[in-house]
Structures are given as C-alpha cells and as structure tokens.
Amino acid sequence: MKKSLLLASLLAAFAMTACGQKEEAAIEAPAAAVMDAAKEGAAATMDAAKEGAAATMDAAKDGAAAATEAATDAADAAKESADAAVDATKDAAGAAMDAAKESVEKAADAAKDAVKPAQ
C-alpha cells in the first residue's frame, strides 16, 4: 500500500508539473500580445500628443503675430491721433495769437486816441 500511495503521489506531482508548464506557456503568449498592443497604444498616444503640441504651438505663434500686428496698428493710430492733436493745438494757438495781437493793436490804438489832445 505504501508503494501505491508513493506511486500515486509521484504521478500526481508529474501531472501537476506537466500541467503547470503548459499553463505558463499559454500565459506568455497573451502577455506578449498585451505588451505589443500597449507599445502600439503608447506610440499612437505619443504621436497624437506631438501633433497636438505642434498645433498648439502654431496657434500660439499665429495669436502672437496677430496681437503684435494689432498693437502696432493701435500704436500707429495713437501716433496719428497725437499728430492731429498737435496740429490742432498749433492752429488754435496761432489763432489765439492772432486774436491777441489784434486785441493789443486795438487797445494801443484806443490808448493813442485817448492820449491825443483834443483839437
């Protein structure tokens, strides 16, 4: 009976060892497929991220160029407005000077007339 028990244990150990080796080989194949799929997924994700980053950089460059152009246009418009204001101020000052000169001349004439002895 001891021999039968020993033989049954040995046969069970051999069967389990043989079954265990088959299962490991079967597990390796799906693991390799999963790893390949993960690599492909990671590569696709990296490509999409690169494309997204490039598109974002292009949009940022375009936005910066548009902002620069708008700022330049605004500065040009402000300069033109300031030039127009300076010209208007010069014209107004000239007109004020002419009016003041005319007033002074009239006042001088009135003073001369007031100082003349009556004849």
PDB file of N, CA and C in Angstrom:
ATOM      1  N   MET A   1       0.813  -1.168   0.000  1.00  0.00           N
ATOM      2  CA  MET A   1       0.000   0.000   0.000  1.00  0.00           C
ATOM      3  C   MET A   1       0.873   1.254   0.000  1.00  0.00           C
ATOM      4  N   LYS A   2       1.989   1.201   0.697  1.00  0.00           N
ATOM      5  CA  LYS A   2       2.886   2.333   0.707  1.00  0.00           C
ATOM      6  C   LYS A   2       3.397   2.610  -0.694  1.00  0.00           C
ATOM      7  N   LYS A   3       3.658   1.575  -1.455  1.00  0.00           N
ATOM      8  CA  LYS A   3       4.140   1.772  -2.817  1.00  0.00           C
ATOM      9  C   LYS A   3       3.068   2.390  -3.698  1.00  0.00           C
ATOM     10  N   SER A   4       1.842   1.997  -3.501  1.00  0.00           N
ATOM     11  CA  SER A   4       0.738   2.547  -4.292  1.00  0.00           C
ATOM     12  C   SER A   4       0.543   4.033  -3.971  1.00  0.00           C
ATOM     13  N   LEU A   5       0.633   4.354  -2.713  1.00  0.00           N
ATOM     14  CA  LEU A   5       0.494   5.747  -2.302  1.00  0.00           C
ATOM     15  C   LEU A   5       1.648   6.585  -2.837  1.00  0.00           C
ATOM     16  N   LEU A   6       2.839   6.040  -2.778  1.00  0.00           N
ATOM     17  CA  LEU A   6       4.012   6.740  -3.293  1.00  0.00           C
ATOM     18  C   LEU A   6       3.906   6.911  -4.804  1.00  0.00           C
ATOM     19  N   LEU A   7       3.459   5.896  -5.486  1.00  0.00           N
ATOM     20  CA  LEU A   7       3.298   5.958  -6.936  1.00  0.00           C
ATOM     21  C   LEU A   7       2.201   6.941  -7.314  1.00  0.00           C
ATOM     22  N   ALA A   8       1.098   6.965  -6.592  1.00  0.00           N
ATOM     23  CA  ALA A   8       0.007   7.909  -6.858  1.00  0.00           C
ATOM     24  C   ALA A   8       0.477   9.348  -6.611  1.00  0.00           C
ATOM     25  N   SER A   9       1.251   9.571  -5.557  1.00  0.00           N
ATOM     26  CA  SER A   9       1.775  10.915  -5.275  1.00  0.00           C
ATOM     27  C   SER A   9       2.739  11.354  -6.357  1.00  0.00           C
ATOM     28  N   LEU A  10       3.592  10.434  -6.779  1.00  0.00           N
ATOM     29  CA  LEU A  10       4.555  10.746  -7.843  1.00  0.00           C
ATOM     30  C   LEU A  10       3.836  11.042  -9.149  1.00  0.00           C
ATOM     31  N   LEU A  11       2.820  10.281  -9.467  1.00  0.00           N
ATOM     32  CA  LEU A  11       2.039  10.506 -10.686  1.00  0.00           C
ATOM     33  C   LEU A  11       1.296  11.842 -10.615  1.00  0.00           C
ATOM     34  N   ALA A  12       0.740  12.186  -9.453  1.00  0.00           N
ATOM     35  CA  ALA A  12       0.039  13.463  -9.278  1.00  0.00           C
ATOM     36  C   ALA A  12       1.029  14.626  -9.412  1.00  0.00           C
ATOM     37  N   ALA A  13       2.225  14.486  -8.846  1.00  0.00           N
ATOM     38  CA  ALA A  13       3.239  15.549  -8.944  1.00  0.00           C
ATOM     39  C   ALA A  13       3.677  15.715 -10.388  1.00  0.00           C
ATOM     40  N   PHE A  14       3.860  14.615 -11.089  1.00  0.00           N
ATOM     41  CA  PHE A  14       4.252  14.700 -12.508  1.00  0.00           C
ATOM     42  C   PHE A  14       3.147  15.365 -13.333  1.00  0.00           C
ATOM     43  N   ALA A  15       1.894  15.006 -13.082  1.00  0.00           N
ATOM     44  CA  ALA A  15       0.767  15.582 -13.817  1.00  0.00           C
ATOM     45  C   ALA A  15       0.653  17.078 -13.524  1.00  0.00           C
ATOM     46  N   MET A  16       0.839  17.452 -12.278  1.00  0.00           N
ATOM     47  CA  MET A  16       0.755  18.868 -11.929  1.00  0.00           C
ATOM     48  C   MET A  16       1.911  19.653 -12.554  1.00  0.00           C
ATOM     49  N   THR A  17       3.080  19.065 -12.585  1.00  0.00           N
ATOM     50  CA  THR A  17       4.230  19.730 -13.195  1.00  0.00           C
ATOM     51  C   THR A  17       3.998  19.905 -14.683  1.00  0.00           C
ATOM     52  N   ALA A  18       3.491  18.892 -15.326  1.00  0.00           N
ATOM     53  CA  ALA A  18       3.231  18.967 -16.769  1.00  0.00           C
ATOM     54  C   ALA A  18       2.133  19.987 -17.053  1.00  0.00           C
ATOM     55  N   CYS A  19       1.106  20.010 -16.264  1.00  0.00           N
ATOM     56  CA  CYS A  19       0.026  20.979 -16.449  1.00  0.00           C
ATOM     57  C   CYS A  19       0.505  22.389 -16.154  1.00  0.00           C
ATOM     58  N   GLY A  20       1.339  22.532 -15.175  1.00  0.00           N
ATOM     59  CA  GLY A  20       1.856  23.836 -14.815  1.00  0.00           C
ATOM     60  C   GLY A  20       2.709  24.423 -15.926  1.00  0.00           C
ATOM     61  N   GLN A  21       3.477  23.614 -16.609  1.00  0.00           N
ATOM     62  CA  GLN A  21       4.316  24.107 -17.696  1.00  0.00           C
ATOM     63  C   GLN A  21       3.465  24.542 -18.878  1.00  0.00           C
ATOM     64  N   LYS A  22       2.408  23.838 -19.144  1.00  0.00           N
ATOM     65  CA  LYS A  22       1.533  24.205 -20.253  1.00  0.00           C
ATOM     66  C   LYS A  22       0.839  25.542 -19.976  1.00  0.00           C
ATOM     67  N   GLU A  23       0.421  25.746 -18.765  1.00  0.00           N
ATOM     68  CA  GLU A  23      -0.261  26.984 -18.417  1.00  0.00           C
ATOM     69  C   GLU A  23       0.686  28.180 -18.535  1.00  0.00           C
ATOM     70  N   GLU A  24       1.945  28.008 -18.133  1.00  0.00           N
ATOM     71  CA  GLU A  24       2.895  29.110 -18.234  1.00  0.00           C
ATOM     72  C   GLU A  24       3.129  29.493 -19.694  1.00  0.00           C
ATOM     73  N   ALA A  25       3.232  28.518 -20.561  1.00  0.00           N
ATOM     74  CA  ALA A  25       3.441  28.804 -21.973  1.00  0.00           C
ATOM     75  C   ALA A  25       2.218  29.500 -22.548  1.00  0.00           C
ATOM     76  N   ALA A  26       1.048  29.114 -22.126  1.00  0.00           N
ATOM     77  CA  ALA A  26      -0.178  29.727 -22.616  1.00  0.00           C
ATOM     78  C   ALA A  26      -0.307  31.163 -22.098  1.00  0.00           C
ATOM     79  N   ILE A  27       0.184  31.448 -20.920  1.00  0.00           N
ATOM     80  CA  ILE A  27       0.094  32.781 -20.353  1.00  0.00           C
ATOM     81  C   ILE A  27       1.088  33.722 -21.032  1.00  0.00           C
ATOM     82  N   GLU A  28       2.255  33.244 -21.420  1.00  0.00           N
ATOM     83  CA  GLU A  28       3.267  34.081 -22.044  1.00  0.00           C
ATOM     84  C   GLU A  28       2.790  34.654 -23.376  1.00  0.00           C
ATOM     85  N   ALA A  29       2.092  33.897 -24.167  1.00  0.00           N
ATOM     86  CA  ALA A  29       1.648  34.373 -25.480  1.00  0.00           C
ATOM     87  C   ALA A  29       0.692  35.557 -25.339  1.00  0.00           C
ATOM     88  N   PRO A  30      -0.335  35.489 -24.503  1.00  0.00           N
ATOM     89  CA  PRO A  30      -1.190  36.662 -24.360  1.00  0.00           C
ATOM     90  C   PRO A  30      -0.445  37.853 -23.743  1.00  0.00           C
ATOM     91  N   ALA A  31       0.498  37.584 -22.844  1.00  0.00           N
ATOM     92  CA  ALA A  31       1.242  38.680 -22.236  1.00  0.00           C
ATOM     93  C   ALA A  31       2.055  39.407 -23.298  1.00  0.00           C
ATOM     94  N   ALA A  32       2.646  38.668 -24.220  1.00  0.00           N
ATOM     95  CA  ALA A  32       3.417  39.298 -25.292  1.00  0.00           C
ATOM     96  C   ALA A  32       2.497  40.115 -26.187  1.00  0.00           C
ATOM     97  N   ALA A  33       1.311  39.601 -26.461  1.00  0.00           N
ATOM     98  CA  ALA A  33       0.357  40.329 -27.293  1.00  0.00           C
ATOM     99  C   ALA A  33      -0.103  41.599 -26.580  1.00  0.00           C
ATOM    100  N   VAL A  34      -0.311  41.491 -25.272  1.00  0.00           N
ATOM    101  CA  VAL A  34      -0.718  42.663 -24.495  1.00  0.00           C
ATOM    102  C   VAL A  34       0.392  43.701 -24.498  1.00  0.00           C
ATOM    103  N   MET A  35       1.634  43.258 -24.354  1.00  0.00           N
ATOM    104  CA  MET A  35       2.768  44.184 -24.368  1.00  0.00           C
ATOM    105  C   MET A  35       2.898  44.870 -25.729  1.00  0.00           C
ATOM    106  N   ASP A  36       2.716  44.112 -26.808  1.00  0.00           N
ATOM    107  CA  ASP A  36       2.783  44.707 -28.145  1.00  0.00           C
ATOM    108  C   ASP A  36       1.671  45.731 -28.335  1.00  0.00           C
ATOM    109  N   ALA A  37       0.475  45.387 -27.887  1.00  0.00           N
ATOM    110  CA  ALA A  37      -0.648  46.317 -28.000  1.00  0.00           C
ATOM    111  C   ALA A  37      -0.396  47.567 -27.164  1.00  0.00           C
ATOM    112  N   ALA A  38       0.181  47.393 -25.983  1.00  0.00           N
ATOM    113  CA  ALA A  38       0.488  48.538 -25.126  1.00  0.00           C
ATOM    114  C   ALA A  38       1.535  49.428 -25.774  1.00  0.00           C
ATOM    115  N   LYS A  39       2.549  48.818 -26.401  1.00  0.00           N
ATOM    116  CA  LYS A  39       3.578  49.605 -27.095  1.00  0.00           C
ATOM    117  C   LYS A  39       2.975  50.397 -28.239  1.00  0.00           C
ATOM    118  N   GLU A  40       2.110  49.741 -29.018  1.00  0.00           N
ATOM    119  CA  GLU A  40       1.470  50.425 -30.133  1.00  0.00           C
ATOM    120  C   GLU A  40       0.567  51.552 -29.642  1.00  0.00           C
ATOM    121  N   GLY A  41      -0.154  51.299 -28.562  1.00  0.00           N
ATOM    122  CA  GLY A  41      -1.009  52.332 -27.981  1.00  0.00           C
ATOM    123  C   GLY A  41      -0.193  53.505 -27.467  1.00  0.00           C
ATOM    124  N   ALA A  42       0.924  53.215 -26.818  1.00  0.00           N
ATOM    125  CA  ALA A  42       1.783  54.283 -26.308  1.00  0.00           C
ATOM    126  C   ALA A  42       2.374  55.085 -27.458  1.00  0.00           C
ATOM    127  N   ALA A  43       2.771  54.401 -28.535  1.00  0.00           N
ATOM    128  CA  ALA A  43       3.320  55.107 -29.697  1.00  0.00           C
ATOM    129  C   ALA A  43       2.260  55.997 -30.334  1.00  0.00           C
ATOM    130  N   ALA A  44       1.046  55.489 -30.449  1.00  0.00           N
ATOM    131  CA  ALA A  44      -0.037  56.291 -31.023  1.00  0.00           C
ATOM    132  C   ALA A  44      -0.352  57.494 -30.127  1.00  0.00           C
ATOM    133  N   THR A  45      -0.323  57.280 -28.826  1.00  0.00           N
ATOM    134  CA  THR A  45      -0.568  58.376 -27.889  1.00  0.00           C
ATOM    135  C   THR A  45       0.520  59.434 -28.003  1.00  0.00           C
ATOM    136  N   MET A  46       1.766  59.015 -28.114  1.00  0.00           N
ATOM    137  CA  MET A  46       2.880  59.959 -28.261  1.00  0.00           C
ATOM    138  C   MET A  46       2.752  60.746 -29.562  1.00  0.00           C
ATOM    139  N   ASP A  47       2.387  60.052 -30.659  1.00  0.00           N
ATOM    140  CA  ASP A  47       2.215  60.752 -31.931  1.00  0.00           C
ATOM    141  C   ASP A  47       1.094  61.780 -31.836  1.00  0.00           C
ATOM    142  N   ALA A  48      -0.003  61.405 -31.221  1.00  0.00           N
ATOM    143  CA  ALA A  48      -1.123  62.340 -31.066  1.00  0.00           C
ATOM    144  C   ALA A  48      -0.724  63.524 -30.191  1.00  0.00           C
ATOM    145  N   ALA A  49       0.044  63.256 -29.134  1.00  0.00           N
ATOM    146  CA  ALA A  49       0.494  64.338 -28.259  1.00  0.00           C
ATOM    147  C   ALA A  49       1.424  65.287 -29.004  1.00  0.00           C
ATOM    148  N   LYS A  50       2.321  64.724 -29.828  1.00  0.00           N
ATOM    149  CA  LYS A  50       3.231  65.560 -30.619  1.00  0.00           C
ATOM    150  C   LYS A  50       2.443  66.434 -31.589  1.00  0.00           C
ATOM    151  N   GLU A  51       1.465  65.829 -32.260  1.00  0.00           N
ATOM    152  CA  GLU A  51       0.651  66.597 -33.216  1.00  0.00           C
ATOM    153  C   GLU A  51      -0.141  67.690 -32.487  1.00  0.00           C
ATOM    154  N   GLY A  52      -0.687  67.349 -31.325  1.00  0.00           N
ATOM    155  CA  GLY A  52      -1.430  68.336 -30.544  1.00  0.00           C
ATOM    156  C   GLY A  52      -0.529  69.474 -30.084  1.00  0.00           C
ATOM    157  N   ALA A  53       0.666  69.144 -29.646  1.00  0.00           N
ATOM    158  CA  ALA A  53       1.604  70.177 -29.203  1.00  0.00           C
ATOM    159  C   ALA A  53       2.014  71.066 -30.369  1.00  0.00           C
ATOM    160  N   ALA A  54       2.242  70.459 -31.530  1.00  0.00           N
ATOM    161  CA  ALA A  54       2.614  71.251 -32.710  1.00  0.00           C
ATOM    162  C   ALA A  54       1.475  72.184 -33.110  1.00  0.00           C
ATOM    163  N   ALA A  55       0.253  71.687 -33.071  1.00  0.00           N
ATOM    164  CA  ALA A  55      -0.899  72.521 -33.416  1.00  0.00           C
ATOM    165  C   ALA A  55      -1.059  73.658 -32.409  1.00  0.00           C
ATOM    166  N   THR A  56      -0.828  73.356 -31.135  1.00  0.00           N
ATOM    167  CA  THR A  56      -0.921  74.386 -30.104  1.00  0.00           C
ATOM    168  C   THR A  56       0.149  75.449 -30.308  1.00  0.00           C
ATOM    169  N   MET A  57       1.356  75.035 -30.628  1.00  0.00           N
ATOM    170  CA  MET A  57       2.441  75.994 -30.866  1.00  0.00           C
ATOM    171  C   MET A  57       2.137  76.863 -32.087  1.00  0.00           C
ATOM    172  N   ASP A  58       1.614  76.254 -33.149  1.00  0.00           N
ATOM    173  CA  ASP A  58       1.255  77.035 -34.342  1.00  0.00           C
ATOM    174  C   ASP A  58       0.177  78.059 -34.015  1.00  0.00           C
ATOM    175  N   ALA A  59      -0.811  77.639 -33.258  1.00  0.00           N
ATOM    176  CA  ALA A  59      -1.891  78.560 -32.877  1.00  0.00           C
ATOM    177  C   ALA A  59      -1.346  79.688 -31.998  1.00  0.00           C
ATOM    178  N   ALA A  60      -0.428  79.358 -31.099  1.00  0.00           N
ATOM    179  CA  ALA A  60       0.160  80.385 -30.239  1.00  0.00           C
ATOM    180  C   ALA A  60       0.978  81.374 -31.060  1.00  0.00           C
ATOM    181  N   LYS A  61       1.730  80.864 -32.039  1.00  0.00           N
ATOM    182  CA  LYS A  61       2.517  81.750 -32.908  1.00  0.00           C
ATOM    183  C   LYS A  61       1.595  82.670 -33.694  1.00  0.00           C
ATOM    184  N   ASP A  62       0.521  82.099 -34.242  1.00  0.00           N
ATOM    185  CA  ASP A  62      -0.433  82.916 -35.007  1.00  0.00           C
ATOM    186  C   ASP A  62      -1.076  83.969 -34.112  1.00  0.00           C
ATOM    187  N   GLY A  63      -1.442  83.578 -32.909  1.00  0.00           N
ATOM    188  CA  GLY A  63      -2.054  84.515 -31.970  1.00  0.00           C
ATOM    189  C   GLY A  63      -1.086  85.626 -31.584  1.00  0.00           C
ATOM    190  N   ALA A  64       0.165  85.273 -31.359  1.00  0.00           N
ATOM    191  CA  ALA A  64       1.162  86.282 -31.000  1.00  0.00           C
ATOM    192  C   ALA A  64       1.394  87.241 -32.164  1.00  0.00           C
ATOM    193  N   ALA A  65       1.436  86.704 -33.377  1.00  0.00           N
ATOM    194  CA  ALA A  65       1.619  87.565 -34.551  1.00  0.00           C
ATOM    195  C   ALA A  65       0.443  88.515 -34.713  1.00  0.00           C
ATOM    196  N   ALA A  66      -0.758  88.005 -34.515  1.00  0.00           N
ATOM    197  CA  ALA A  66      -1.951  88.852 -34.630  1.00  0.00           C
ATOM    198  C   ALA A  66      -1.963  89.922 -33.535  1.00  0.00           C
ATOM    199  N   ALA A  67      -1.584  89.547 -32.329  1.00  0.00           N
ATOM    200  CA  ALA A  67      -1.541  90.514 -31.231  1.00  0.00           C
ATOM    201  C   ALA A  67      -0.491  91.586 -31.499  1.00  0.00           C
ATOM    202  N   THR A  68       0.650  91.183 -32.025  1.00  0.00           N
ATOM    203  CA  THR A  68       1.706  92.150 -32.348  1.00  0.00           C
ATOM    204  C   THR A  68       1.241  93.110 -33.424  1.00  0.00           C
ATOM    205  N   GLU A  69       0.591  92.562 -34.433  1.00  0.00           N
ATOM    206  CA  GLU A  69       0.090  93.409 -35.513  1.00  0.00           C
ATOM    207  C   GLU A  69      -0.977  94.379 -34.990  1.00  0.00           C
ATOM    208  N   ALA A  70      -1.854  93.894 -34.140  1.00  0.00           N
ATOM    209  CA  ALA A  70      -2.891  94.762 -33.576  1.00  0.00           C
ATOM    210  C   ALA A  70      -2.273  95.861 -32.710  1.00  0.00           C
ATOM    211  N   ALA A  71      -1.256  95.509 -31.937  1.00  0.00           N
ATOM    212  CA  ALA A  71      -0.589  96.510 -31.098  1.00  0.00           C
ATOM    213  C   ALA A  71       0.117  97.545 -31.960  1.00  0.00           C
ATOM    214  N   THR A  72       0.732  97.103 -33.042  1.00  0.00           N
ATOM    215  CA  THR A  72       1.402  98.036 -33.959  1.00  0.00           C
ATOM    216  C   THR A  72       0.385  98.968 -34.597  1.00  0.00           C
ATOM    217  N   ASP A  73      -0.736  98.409 -35.033  1.00  0.00           N
ATOM    218  CA  ASP A  73      -1.788  99.237 -35.628  1.00  0.00           C
ATOM    219  C   ASP A  73      -2.327 100.251 -34.617  1.00  0.00           C
ATOM    220  N   ALA A  74      -2.517  99.812 -33.387  1.00  0.00           N
ATOM    221  CA  ALA A  74      -3.015 100.714 -32.345  1.00  0.00           C
ATOM    222  C   ALA A  74      -2.003 101.820 -32.068  1.00  0.00           C
ATOM    223  N   ALA A  75      -0.716 101.468 -32.045  1.00  0.00           N
ATOM    224  CA  ALA A  75       0.318 102.479 -31.811  1.00  0.00           C
ATOM    225  C   ALA A  75       0.358 103.480 -32.959  1.00  0.00           C
ATOM    226  N   ASP A  76       0.222 102.971 -34.187  1.00  0.00           N
ATOM    227  CA  ASP A  76       0.196 103.876 -35.349  1.00  0.00           C
ATOM    228  C   ASP A  76      -1.006 104.813 -35.279  1.00  0.00           C
ATOM    229  N   ALA A  77      -2.148 104.276 -34.918  1.00  0.00           N
ATOM    230  CA  ALA A  77      -3.358 105.102 -34.813  1.00  0.00           C
ATOM    231  C   ALA A  77      -3.193 106.147 -33.703  1.00  0.00           C
ATOM    232  N   ALA A  78      -2.594 105.748 -32.582  1.00  0.00           N
ATOM    233  CA  ALA A  78      -2.374 106.693 -31.490  1.00  0.00           C
ATOM    234  C   ALA A  78      -1.406 107.791 -31.922  1.00  0.00           C
ATOM    235  N   LYS A  79      -0.384 107.439 -32.685  1.00  0.00           N
ATOM    236  CA  LYS A  79       0.579 108.426 -33.168  1.00  0.00           C
ATOM    237  C   LYS A  79      -0.100 109.412 -34.116  1.00  0.00           C
ATOM    238  N   GLU A  80      -0.922 108.873 -35.017  1.00  0.00           N
ATOM    239  CA  GLU A  80      -1.643 109.749 -35.948  1.00  0.00           C
ATOM    240  C   GLU A  80      -2.591 110.680 -35.189  1.00  0.00           C
ATOM    241  N   SER A  81      -3.245 110.143 -34.176  1.00  0.00           N
ATOM    242  CA  SER A  81      -4.161 110.956 -33.365  1.00  0.00           C
ATOM    243  C   SER A  81      -3.393 112.037 -32.615  1.00  0.00           C
ATOM    244  N   ALA A  82      -2.241 111.671 -32.075  1.00  0.00           N
ATOM    245  CA  ALA A  82      -1.427 112.657 -31.359  1.00  0.00           C
ATOM    246  C   ALA A  82      -0.926 113.733 -32.317  1.00  0.00           C
ATOM    247  N   ASP A  83      -0.522 113.326 -33.512  1.00  0.00           N
ATOM    248  CA  ASP A  83      -0.074 114.303 -34.509  1.00  0.00           C
ATOM    249  C   ASP A  83      -1.204 115.268 -34.870  1.00  0.00           C
ATOM    250  N   ALA A  84      -2.394 114.726 -35.034  1.00  0.00           N
ATOM    251  CA  ALA A  84      -3.549 115.567 -35.355  1.00  0.00           C
ATOM    252  C   ALA A  84      -3.849 116.524 -34.204  1.00  0.00           C
ATOM    253  N   ALA A  85      -3.717 116.030 -32.970  1.00  0.00           N
ATOM    254  CA  ALA A  85      -3.959 116.890 -31.810  1.00  0.00           C
ATOM    255  C   ALA A  85      -2.917 118.006 -31.731  1.00  0.00           C
ATOM    256  N   VAL A  86      -1.670 117.677 -32.037  1.00  0.00           N
ATOM    257  CA  VAL A  86      -0.607 118.689 -32.034  1.00  0.00           C
ATOM    258  C   VAL A  86      -0.889 119.744 -33.098  1.00  0.00           C
ATOM    259  N   ASP A  87      -1.280 119.285 -34.287  1.00  0.00           N
ATOM    260  CA  ASP A  87      -1.591 120.231 -35.364  1.00  0.00           C
ATOM    261  C   ASP A  87      -2.767 121.133 -34.972  1.00  0.00           C
ATOM    262  N   ALA A  88      -3.799 120.547 -34.380  1.00  0.00           N
ATOM    263  CA  ALA A  88      -4.957 121.332 -33.958  1.00  0.00           C
ATOM    264  C   ALA A  88      -4.562 122.336 -32.877  1.00  0.00           C
ATOM    265  N   THR A  89      -3.702 121.920 -31.962  1.00  0.00           N
ATOM    266  CA  THR A  89      -3.233 122.826 -30.906  1.00  0.00           C
ATOM    267  C   THR A  89      -2.416 123.970 -31.495  1.00  0.00           C
ATOM    268  N   LYS A  90      -1.562 123.645 -32.466  1.00  0.00           N
ATOM    269  CA  LYS A  90      -0.777 124.693 -33.137  1.00  0.00           C
ATOM    270  C   LYS A  90      -1.706 125.694 -33.827  1.00  0.00           C
ATOM    271  N   ASP A  91      -2.703 125.165 -34.530  1.00  0.00           N
ATOM    272  CA  ASP A  91      -3.652 126.045 -35.231  1.00  0.00           C
ATOM    273  C   ASP A  91      -4.407 126.923 -34.228  1.00  0.00           C
ATOM    274  N   ALA A  92      -4.860 126.328 -33.134  1.00  0.00           N
ATOM    275  CA  ALA A  92      -5.592 127.081 -32.124  1.00  0.00           C
ATOM    276  C   ALA A  92      -4.687 128.130 -31.476  1.00  0.00           C
ATOM    277  N   ALA A  93      -3.440 127.766 -31.218  1.00  0.00           N
ATOM    278  CA  ALA A  93      -2.505 128.715 -30.618  1.00  0.00           C
ATOM    279  C   ALA A  93      -2.222 129.862 -31.580  1.00  0.00           C
ATOM    280  N   GLY A  94      -2.081 129.536 -32.850  1.00  0.00           N
ATOM    281  CA  GLY A  94      -1.864 130.578 -33.861  1.00  0.00           C
ATOM    282  C   GLY A  94      -3.050 131.520 -33.933  1.00  0.00           C
ATOM    283  N   ALA A  95      -4.235 130.966 -33.921  1.00  0.00           N
ATOM    284  CA  ALA A  95      -5.444 131.787 -33.963  1.00  0.00           C
ATOM    285  C   ALA A  95      -5.539 132.647 -32.706  1.00  0.00           C
ATOM    286  N   ALA A  96      -5.203 132.074 -31.554  1.00  0.00           N
ATOM    287  CA  ALA A  96      -5.235 132.839 -30.303  1.00  0.00           C
ATOM    288  C   ALA A  96      -4.202 133.960 -30.336  1.00  0.00           C
ATOM    289  N   MET A  97      -3.053 133.672 -30.895  1.00  0.00           N
ATOM    290  CA  MET A  97      -2.010 134.706 -31.015  1.00  0.00           C
ATOM    291  C   MET A  97      -2.475 135.832 -31.927  1.00  0.00           C
ATOM    292  N   ASP A  98      -3.075 135.463 -33.038  1.00  0.00           N
ATOM    293  CA  ASP A  98      -3.588 136.481 -33.963  1.00  0.00           C
ATOM    294  C   ASP A  98      -4.659 137.334 -33.285  1.00  0.00           C
ATOM    295  N   ALA A  99      -5.566 136.692 -32.566  1.00  0.00           N
ATOM    296  CA  ALA A  99      -6.627 137.426 -31.874  1.00  0.00           C
ATOM    297  C   ALA A  99      -6.037 138.315 -30.791  1.00  0.00           C
ATOM    298  N   ALA A 100      -5.048 137.798 -30.066  1.00  0.00           N
ATOM    299  CA  ALA A 100      -4.416 138.600 -29.015  1.00  0.00           C
ATOM    300  C   ALA A 100      -3.674 139.785 -29.624  1.00  0.00           C
ATOM    301  N   LYS A 101      -3.006 139.548 -30.730  1.00  0.00           N
ATOM    302  CA  LYS A 101      -2.259 140.620 -31.408  1.00  0.00           C
ATOM    303  C   LYS A 101      -3.220 141.710 -31.870  1.00  0.00           C
ATOM    304  N   GLU A 102      -4.339 141.261 -32.434  1.00  0.00           N
ATOM    305  CA  GLU A 102      -5.353 142.216 -32.912  1.00  0.00           C
ATOM    306  C   GLU A 102      -5.929 143.007 -31.742  1.00  0.00           C
ATOM    307  N   SER A 103      -6.173 142.304 -30.621  1.00  0.00           N
ATOM    308  CA  SER A 103      -6.696 142.991 -29.438  1.00  0.00           C
ATOM    309  C   SER A 103      -5.689 144.003 -28.907  1.00  0.00           C
ATOM    310  N   VAL A 104      -4.428 143.645 -28.906  1.00  0.00           N
ATOM    311  CA  VAL A 104      -3.384 144.553 -28.425  1.00  0.00           C
ATOM    312  C   VAL A 104      -3.301 145.769 -29.334  1.00  0.00           C
ATOM    313  N   GLU A 105      -3.380 145.535 -30.628  1.00  0.00           N
ATOM    314  CA  GLU A 105      -3.335 146.666 -31.579  1.00  0.00           C
ATOM    315  C   GLU A 105      -4.520 147.592 -31.367  1.00  0.00           C
ATOM    316  N   LYS A 106      -5.706 147.014 -31.165  1.00  0.00           N
ATOM    317  CA  LYS A 106      -6.890 147.843 -30.924  1.00  0.00           C
ATOM    318  C   LYS A 106      -6.748 148.624 -29.616  1.00  0.00           C
ATOM    319  N   ALA A 107      -6.211 147.947 -28.599  1.00  0.00           N
ATOM    320  CA  ALA A 107      -6.025 148.611 -27.311  1.00  0.00           C
ATOM    321  C   ALA A 107      -4.997 149.738 -27.451  1.00  0.00           C
ATOM    322  N   ALA A 108      -3.956 149.491 -28.235  1.00  0.00           N
ATOM    323  CA  ALA A 108      -2.927 150.518 -28.443  1.00  0.00           C
ATOM    324  C   ALA A 108      -3.513 151.702 -29.189  1.00  0.00           C
ATOM    325  N   ASP A 109      -4.327 151.413 -30.207  1.00  0.00           N
ATOM    326  CA  ASP A 109      -4.965 152.496 -30.962  1.00  0.00           C
ATOM    327  C   ASP A 109      -5.906 153.290 -30.052  1.00  0.00           C
ATOM    328  N   ALA A 110      -6.636 152.597 -29.203  1.00  0.00           N
ATOM    329  CA  ALA A 110      -7.553 153.273 -28.282  1.00  0.00           C
ATOM    330  C   ALA A 110      -6.781 154.127 -27.287  1.00  0.00           C
ATOM    331  N   ALA A 111      -5.628 153.614 -26.843  1.00  0.00           N
ATOM    332  CA  ALA A 111      -4.809 154.374 -25.906  1.00  0.00           C
ATOM    333  C   ALA A 111      -4.239 155.615 -26.583  1.00  0.00           C
ATOM    334  N   LYS A 112      -3.832 155.467 -27.833  1.00  0.00           N
ATOM    335  CA  LYS A 112      -3.306 156.616 -28.581  1.00  0.00           C
ATOM    336  C   LYS A 112      -4.394 157.663 -28.746  1.00  0.00           C
ATOM    337  N   ASP A 113      -5.566 157.213 -29.106  1.00  0.00           N
ATOM    338  CA  ASP A 113      -6.684 158.138 -29.288  1.00  0.00           C
ATOM    339  C   ASP A 113      -7.037 158.821 -27.966  1.00  0.00           C
ATOM    340  N   ALA A 114      -6.924 158.131 -26.881  1.00  0.00           N
ATOM    341  CA  ALA A 114      -7.248 158.720 -25.587  1.00  0.00           C
ATOM    342  C   ALA A 114      -6.187 159.715 -25.148  1.00  0.00           C
ATOM    343  N   VAL A 115      -4.978 159.513 -25.541  1.00  0.00           N
ATOM    344  CA  VAL A 115      -3.876 160.372 -25.122  1.00  0.00           C
ATOM    345  C   VAL A 115      -3.784 161.616 -26.013  1.00  0.00           C
ATOM    346  N   LYS A 116      -4.248 161.600 -27.224  1.00  0.00           N
ATOM    347  CA  LYS A 116      -4.161 162.740 -28.142  1.00  0.00           C
ATOM    348  C   LYS A 116      -4.927 163.914 -27.552  1.00  0.00           C
ATOM    349  N   PRO A 117      -4.313 165.062 -27.655  1.00  0.00           N
ATOM    350  CA  PRO A 117      -5.053 166.209 -27.174  1.00  0.00           C
ATOM    351  C   PRO A 117      -6.194 166.513 -28.128  1.00  0.00           C
ATOM    352  N   ALA A 118      -7.222 166.933 -27.632  1.00  0.00           N
ATOM    353  CA  ALA A 118      -8.384 167.257 -28.450  1.00  0.00           C
ATOM    354  C   ALA A 118      -8.084 168.506 -29.248  1.00  0.00           C
ATOM    355  N   GLN A 119      -8.307 168.562 -30.463  1.00  0.00           N
ATOM    356  CA  GLN A 119      -8.024 169.714 -31.322  1.00  0.00           C
ATOM    357  C   GLN A 119      -9.254 170.334 -31.803  1.00  0.00           C
TER     358      GLN A 119
END
